[in-house]
Amino acid sequence: MQRSFVELLRGNIYASLSLYPALPFVFLTLFLTAAHLVFKFKHGAAAIKYSFIVTTSIVMVSYIIRLL
């Protein structure tokens, strides 16, 4: 994840996604969590939950593909 973040900072989006495909979704989950804590959205908890499920699914699929 760290190398993916460094590549993203360098502007290499393809390299970043090839190293860790879940990175944008991790950022989305962190952003939704911070926004919900500050603004108390009506359905913020559900959005965070679904974002976490998607992120975890992408991490697991990516891990299984790398094992094969």
PDB file of N, CA and C in Angstrom:
ATOM      1  N   MET A   1       0.822  -1.186   0.000  1.00  0.00           N
ATOM      2  CA  MET A   1       0.000   0.000   0.000  1.00  0.00           C
ATOM      3  C   MET A   1       0.875   1.261   0.000  1.00  0.00           C
ATOM      4  N   GLN A   2       2.007   1.202   0.680  1.00  0.00           N
ATOM      5  CA  GLN A   2       2.880   2.367   0.737  1.00  0.00           C
ATOM      6  C   GLN A   2       3.480   2.684  -0.632  1.00  0.00           C
ATOM      7  N   ARG A   3       3.929   1.648  -1.333  1.00  0.00           N
ATOM      8  CA  ARG A   3       4.493   1.884  -2.667  1.00  0.00           C
ATOM      9  C   ARG A   3       3.421   2.395  -3.617  1.00  0.00           C
ATOM     10  N   SER A   4       2.214   1.909  -3.469  1.00  0.00           N
ATOM     11  CA  SER A   4       1.106   2.370  -4.299  1.00  0.00           C
ATOM     12  C   SER A   4       0.831   3.844  -4.036  1.00  0.00           C
ATOM     13  N   PHE A   5       0.867   4.252  -2.784  1.00  0.00           N
ATOM     14  CA  PHE A   5       0.643   5.652  -2.437  1.00  0.00           C
ATOM     15  C   PHE A   5       1.744   6.549  -2.991  1.00  0.00           C
ATOM     16  N   VAL A   6       2.983   6.078  -2.927  1.00  0.00           N
ATOM     17  CA  VAL A   6       4.106   6.855  -3.468  1.00  0.00           C
ATOM     18  C   VAL A   6       3.944   7.020  -4.983  1.00  0.00           C
ATOM     19  N   GLU A   7       3.563   5.946  -5.666  1.00  0.00           N
ATOM     20  CA  GLU A   7       3.353   6.036  -7.114  1.00  0.00           C
ATOM     21  C   GLU A   7       2.201   6.982  -7.446  1.00  0.00           C
ATOM     22  N   LEU A   8       1.179   6.985  -6.618  1.00  0.00           N
ATOM     23  CA  LEU A   8       0.067   7.904  -6.832  1.00  0.00           C
ATOM     24  C   LEU A   8       0.523   9.347  -6.657  1.00  0.00           C
ATOM     25  N   LEU A   9       1.374   9.604  -5.668  1.00  0.00           N
ATOM     26  CA  LEU A   9       1.908  10.949  -5.468  1.00  0.00           C
ATOM     27  C   LEU A   9       2.796  11.378  -6.631  1.00  0.00           C
ATOM     28  N   ARG A  10       3.471  10.432  -7.244  1.00  0.00           N
ATOM     29  CA  ARG A  10       4.307  10.742  -8.408  1.00  0.00           C
ATOM     30  C   ARG A  10       3.489  10.952  -9.671  1.00  0.00           C
ATOM     31  N   GLY A  11       2.216  10.606  -9.629  1.00  0.00           N
ATOM     32  CA  GLY A  11       1.344  10.780 -10.793  1.00  0.00           C
ATOM     33  C   GLY A  11       1.199   9.540 -11.637  1.00  0.00           C
ATOM     34  N   ASN A  12       1.770   8.424 -11.210  1.00  0.00           N
ATOM     35  CA  ASN A  12       1.670   7.170 -11.951  1.00  0.00           C
ATOM     36  C   ASN A  12       0.433   6.399 -11.482  1.00  0.00           C
ATOM     37  N   ILE A  13      -0.708   6.747 -12.021  1.00  0.00           N
ATOM     38  CA  ILE A  13      -1.962   6.155 -11.579  1.00  0.00           C
ATOM     39  C   ILE A  13      -2.020   4.676 -11.926  1.00  0.00           C
ATOM     40  N   TYR A  14      -1.595   4.326 -13.128  1.00  0.00           N
ATOM     41  CA  TYR A  14      -1.632   2.914 -13.530  1.00  0.00           C
ATOM     42  C   TYR A  14      -0.730   2.061 -12.639  1.00  0.00           C
ATOM     43  N   ALA A  15       0.473   2.557 -12.355  1.00  0.00           N
ATOM     44  CA  ALA A  15       1.383   1.806 -11.485  1.00  0.00           C
ATOM     45  C   ALA A  15       0.816   1.697 -10.074  1.00  0.00           C
ATOM     46  N   SER A  16       0.181   2.760  -9.609  1.00  0.00           N
ATOM     47  CA  SER A  16      -0.423   2.743  -8.292  1.00  0.00           C
ATOM     48  C   SER A  16      -1.532   1.702  -8.200  1.00  0.00           C
ATOM     49  N   LEU A  17      -2.393   1.655  -9.199  1.00  0.00           N
ATOM     50  CA  LEU A  17      -3.495   0.697  -9.189  1.00  0.00           C
ATOM     51  C   LEU A  17      -3.012  -0.733  -9.392  1.00  0.00           C
ATOM     52  N   SER A  18      -1.915  -0.897 -10.115  1.00  0.00           N
ATOM     53  CA  SER A  18      -1.404  -2.253 -10.301  1.00  0.00           C
ATOM     54  C   SER A  18      -0.743  -2.781  -9.023  1.00  0.00           C
ATOM     55  N   LEU A  19      -0.197  -1.885  -8.208  1.00  0.00           N
ATOM     56  CA  LEU A  19       0.405  -2.312  -6.947  1.00  0.00           C
ATOM     57  C   LEU A  19      -0.647  -2.612  -5.882  1.00  0.00           C
ATOM     58  N   TYR A  20      -1.660  -1.777  -5.796  1.00  0.00           N
ATOM     59  CA  TYR A  20      -2.698  -1.952  -4.767  1.00  0.00           C
ATOM     60  C   TYR A  20      -4.009  -1.368  -5.295  1.00  0.00           C
ATOM     61  N   PRO A  21      -4.841  -2.182  -5.924  1.00  0.00           N
ATOM     62  CA  PRO A  21      -6.047  -1.679  -6.581  1.00  0.00           C
ATOM     63  C   PRO A  21      -7.085  -1.076  -5.639  1.00  0.00           C
ATOM     64  N   ALA A  22      -7.003  -1.345  -4.362  1.00  0.00           N
ATOM     65  CA  ALA A  22      -8.012  -0.849  -3.431  1.00  0.00           C
ATOM     66  C   ALA A  22      -7.703   0.543  -2.886  1.00  0.00           C
ATOM     67  N   LEU A  23      -6.581   1.127  -3.258  1.00  0.00           N
ATOM     68  CA  LEU A  23      -6.173   2.403  -2.679  1.00  0.00           C
ATOM     69  C   LEU A  23      -7.213   3.513  -2.856  1.00  0.00           C
ATOM     70  N   PRO A  24      -7.793   3.712  -4.042  1.00  0.00           N
ATOM     71  CA  PRO A  24      -8.823   4.770  -4.152  1.00  0.00           C
ATOM     72  C   PRO A  24     -10.020   4.515  -3.242  1.00  0.00           C
ATOM     73  N   PHE A  25     -10.380   3.272  -3.062  1.00  0.00           N
ATOM     74  CA  PHE A  25     -11.516   2.950  -2.207  1.00  0.00           C
ATOM     75  C   PHE A  25     -11.176   3.127  -0.726  1.00  0.00           C
ATOM     76  N   VAL A  26      -9.921   2.908  -0.375  1.00  0.00           N
ATOM     77  CA  VAL A  26      -9.483   3.185   0.996  1.00  0.00           C
ATOM     78  C   VAL A  26      -9.609   4.677   1.273  1.00  0.00           C
ATOM     79  N   PHE A  27      -9.163   5.495   0.328  1.00  0.00           N
ATOM     80  CA  PHE A  27      -9.292   6.947   0.484  1.00  0.00           C
ATOM     81  C   PHE A  27     -10.753   7.367   0.541  1.00  0.00           C
ATOM     82  N   LEU A  28     -11.589   6.753  -0.273  1.00  0.00           N
ATOM     83  CA  LEU A  28     -13.015   7.064  -0.253  1.00  0.00           C
ATOM     84  C   LEU A  28     -13.621   6.733   1.105  1.00  0.00           C
ATOM     85  N   THR A  29     -13.281   5.592   1.653  1.00  0.00           N
ATOM     86  CA  THR A  29     -13.800   5.196   2.962  1.00  0.00           C
ATOM     87  C   THR A  29     -13.332   6.160   4.054  1.00  0.00           C
ATOM     88  N   LEU A  30     -12.064   6.541   4.013  1.00  0.00           N
ATOM     89  CA  LEU A  30     -11.551   7.501   4.994  1.00  0.00           C
ATOM     90  C   LEU A  30     -12.227   8.856   4.858  1.00  0.00           C
ATOM     91  N   PHE A  31     -12.441   9.297   3.618  1.00  0.00           N
ATOM     92  CA  PHE A  31     -13.115  10.574   3.377  1.00  0.00           C
ATOM     93  C   PHE A  31     -14.551  10.539   3.881  1.00  0.00           C
ATOM     94  N   LEU A  32     -15.279   9.453   3.568  1.00  0.00           N
ATOM     95  CA  LEU A  32     -16.662   9.335   4.032  1.00  0.00           C
ATOM     96  C   LEU A  32     -16.747   9.316   5.555  1.00  0.00           C
ATOM     97  N   THR A  33     -15.809   8.631   6.189  1.00  0.00           N
ATOM     98  CA  THR A  33     -15.799   8.575   7.651  1.00  0.00           C
ATOM     99  C   THR A  33     -15.557   9.953   8.252  1.00  0.00           C
ATOM    100  N   ALA A  34     -14.568  10.666   7.736  1.00  0.00           N
ATOM    101  CA  ALA A  34     -14.274  12.011   8.246  1.00  0.00           C
ATOM    102  C   ALA A  34     -15.436  12.961   7.999  1.00  0.00           C
ATOM    103  N   ALA A  35     -16.026  12.893   6.812  1.00  0.00           N
ATOM    104  CA  ALA A  35     -17.149  13.775   6.491  1.00  0.00           C
ATOM    105  C   ALA A  35     -18.351  13.469   7.379  1.00  0.00           C
ATOM    106  N   HIS A  36     -18.590  12.195   7.636  1.00  0.00           N
ATOM    107  CA  HIS A  36     -19.721  11.829   8.492  1.00  0.00           C
ATOM    108  C   HIS A  36     -19.496  12.286   9.929  1.00  0.00           C
ATOM    109  N   LEU A  37     -18.274  12.202  10.407  1.00  0.00           N
ATOM    110  CA  LEU A  37     -17.986  12.655  11.765  1.00  0.00           C
ATOM    111  C   LEU A  37     -18.166  14.161  11.910  1.00  0.00           C
ATOM    112  N   VAL A  38     -17.858  14.913  10.863  1.00  0.00           N
ATOM    113  CA  VAL A  38     -17.968  16.366  10.929  1.00  0.00           C
ATOM    114  C   VAL A  38     -19.401  16.828  10.664  1.00  0.00           C
ATOM    115  N   PHE A  39     -20.038  16.294   9.614  1.00  0.00           N
ATOM    116  CA  PHE A  39     -21.331  16.813   9.171  1.00  0.00           C
ATOM    117  C   PHE A  39     -22.538  15.986   9.605  1.00  0.00           C
ATOM    118  N   LYS A  40     -22.336  14.809  10.174  1.00  0.00           N
ATOM    119  CA  LYS A  40     -23.424  13.944  10.659  1.00  0.00           C
ATOM    120  C   LYS A  40     -24.494  13.704   9.591  1.00  0.00           C
ATOM    121  N   PHE A  41     -24.081  13.110   8.473  1.00  0.00           N
ATOM    122  CA  PHE A  41     -25.010  12.801   7.385  1.00  0.00           C
ATOM    123  C   PHE A  41     -26.078  11.820   7.851  1.00  0.00           C
ATOM    124  N   LYS A  42     -27.257  11.938   7.252  1.00  0.00           N
ATOM    125  CA  LYS A  42     -28.377  11.086   7.646  1.00  0.00           C
ATOM    126  C   LYS A  42     -28.076   9.612   7.383  1.00  0.00           C
ATOM    127  N   HIS A  43     -27.536   9.305   6.208  1.00  0.00           N
ATOM    128  CA  HIS A  43     -27.225   7.925   5.842  1.00  0.00           C
ATOM    129  C   HIS A  43     -25.714   7.708   5.739  1.00  0.00           C
ATOM    130  N   GLY A  44     -24.968   8.463   6.510  1.00  0.00           N
ATOM    131  CA  GLY A  44     -23.514   8.381   6.461  1.00  0.00           C
ATOM    132  C   GLY A  44     -22.982   7.041   6.929  1.00  0.00           C
ATOM    133  N   ALA A  45     -23.577   6.484   7.952  1.00  0.00           N
ATOM    134  CA  ALA A  45     -23.101   5.204   8.476  1.00  0.00           C
ATOM    135  C   ALA A  45     -23.286   4.091   7.453  1.00  0.00           C
ATOM    136  N   ALA A  46     -24.400   4.122   6.739  1.00  0.00           N
ATOM    137  CA  ALA A  46     -24.643   3.111   5.706  1.00  0.00           C
ATOM    138  C   ALA A  46     -23.647   3.268   4.561  1.00  0.00           C
ATOM    139  N   ALA A  47     -23.354   4.504   4.173  1.00  0.00           N
ATOM    140  CA  ALA A  47     -22.384   4.740   3.102  1.00  0.00           C
ATOM    141  C   ALA A  47     -21.004   4.244   3.499  1.00  0.00           C
ATOM    142  N   ILE A  48     -20.632   4.470   4.752  1.00  0.00           N
ATOM    143  CA  ILE A  48     -19.336   3.992   5.237  1.00  0.00           C
ATOM    144  C   ILE A  48     -19.308   2.470   5.246  1.00  0.00           C
ATOM    145  N   LYS A  49     -20.391   1.865   5.681  1.00  0.00           N
ATOM    146  CA  LYS A  49     -20.458   0.401   5.735  1.00  0.00           C
ATOM    147  C   LYS A  49     -20.313  -0.202   4.343  1.00  0.00           C
ATOM    148  N   TYR A  50     -21.037   0.329   3.368  1.00  0.00           N
ATOM    149  CA  TYR A  50     -20.959  -0.213   2.007  1.00  0.00           C
ATOM    150  C   TYR A  50     -19.596   0.057   1.375  1.00  0.00           C
ATOM    151  N   SER A  51     -19.033   1.205   1.658  1.00  0.00           N
ATOM    152  CA  SER A  51     -17.703   1.509   1.147  1.00  0.00           C
ATOM    153  C   SER A  51     -16.672   0.560   1.743  1.00  0.00           C
ATOM    154  N   PHE A  52     -16.810   0.243   3.016  1.00  0.00           N
ATOM    155  CA  PHE A  52     -15.907  -0.707   3.663  1.00  0.00           C
ATOM    156  C   PHE A  52     -16.049  -2.098   3.062  1.00  0.00           C
ATOM    157  N   ILE A  53     -17.286  -2.511   2.778  1.00  0.00           N
ATOM    158  CA  ILE A  53     -17.512  -3.827   2.176  1.00  0.00           C
ATOM    159  C   ILE A  53     -16.877  -3.906   0.795  1.00  0.00           C
ATOM    160  N   VAL A  54     -17.050  -2.861  -0.001  1.00  0.00           N
ATOM    161  CA  VAL A  54     -16.448  -2.836  -1.348  1.00  0.00           C
ATOM    162  C   VAL A  54     -14.925  -2.859  -1.244  1.00  0.00           C
ATOM    163  N   THR A  55     -14.374  -2.059  -0.360  1.00  0.00           N
ATOM    164  CA  THR A  55     -12.922  -2.008  -0.188  1.00  0.00           C
ATOM    165  C   THR A  55     -12.369  -3.356   0.244  1.00  0.00           C
ATOM    166  N   THR A  56     -13.015  -3.975   1.210  1.00  0.00           N
ATOM    167  CA  THR A  56     -12.567  -5.281   1.686  1.00  0.00           C
ATOM    168  C   THR A  56     -12.672  -6.331   0.596  1.00  0.00           C
ATOM    169  N   SER A  57     -13.727  -6.276  -0.192  1.00  0.00           N
ATOM    170  CA  SER A  57     -13.890  -7.225  -1.295  1.00  0.00           C
ATOM    171  C   SER A  57     -12.780  -7.072  -2.325  1.00  0.00           C
ATOM    172  N   ILE A  58     -12.449  -5.835  -2.658  1.00  0.00           N
ATOM    173  CA  ILE A  58     -11.381  -5.593  -3.632  1.00  0.00           C
ATOM    174  C   ILE A  58     -10.038  -6.082  -3.090  1.00  0.00           C
ATOM    175  N   VAL A  59      -9.784  -5.856  -1.816  1.00  0.00           N
ATOM    176  CA  VAL A  59      -8.539  -6.330  -1.204  1.00  0.00           C
ATOM    177  C   VAL A  59      -8.464  -7.844  -1.273  1.00  0.00           C
ATOM    178  N   MET A  60      -9.560  -8.511  -0.932  1.00  0.00           N
ATOM    179  CA  MET A  60      -9.561  -9.979  -0.930  1.00  0.00           C
ATOM    180  C   MET A  60      -9.399 -10.547  -2.340  1.00  0.00           C
ATOM    181  N   VAL A  61     -10.114  -9.992  -3.312  1.00  0.00           N
ATOM    182  CA  VAL A  61     -10.001 -10.478  -4.697  1.00  0.00           C
ATOM    183  C   VAL A  61      -8.595 -10.248  -5.224  1.00  0.00           C
ATOM    184  N   SER A  62      -8.041  -9.080  -4.929  1.00  0.00           N
ATOM    185  CA  SER A  62      -6.676  -8.780  -5.364  1.00  0.00           C
ATOM    186  C   SER A  62      -5.673  -9.747  -4.741  1.00  0.00           C
ATOM    187  N   TYR A  63      -5.858 -10.069  -3.489  1.00  0.00           N
ATOM    188  CA  TYR A  63      -4.968 -10.998  -2.801  1.00  0.00           C
ATOM    189  C   TYR A  63      -5.067 -12.398  -3.404  1.00  0.00           C
ATOM    190  N   ILE A  64      -6.271 -12.845  -3.671  1.00  0.00           N
ATOM    191  CA  ILE A  64      -6.466 -14.176  -4.255  1.00  0.00           C
ATOM    192  C   ILE A  64      -5.857 -14.233  -5.655  1.00  0.00           C
ATOM    193  N   ILE A  65      -6.031 -13.205  -6.444  1.00  0.00           N
ATOM    194  CA  ILE A  65      -5.456 -13.182  -7.795  1.00  0.00           C
ATOM    195  C   ILE A  65      -3.927 -13.225  -7.720  1.00  0.00           C
ATOM    196  N   ARG A  66      -3.350 -12.494  -6.774  1.00  0.00           N
ATOM    197  CA  ARG A  66      -1.881 -12.512  -6.644  1.00  0.00           C
ATOM    198  C   ARG A  66      -1.360 -13.879  -6.178  1.00  0.00           C
ATOM    199  N   LEU A  67      -2.159 -14.592  -5.406  1.00  0.00           N
ATOM    200  CA  LEU A  67      -1.754 -15.927  -4.981  1.00  0.00           C
ATOM    201  C   LEU A  67      -1.732 -16.910  -6.146  1.00  0.00           C
ATOM    202  N   LEU A  68      -2.639 -16.741  -7.075  1.00  0.00           N
ATOM    203  CA  LEU A  68      -2.714 -17.641  -8.211  1.00  0.00           C
ATOM    204  C   LEU A  68      -1.672 -17.243  -9.218  1.00  0.00           C
TER     205      LEU A  68
END
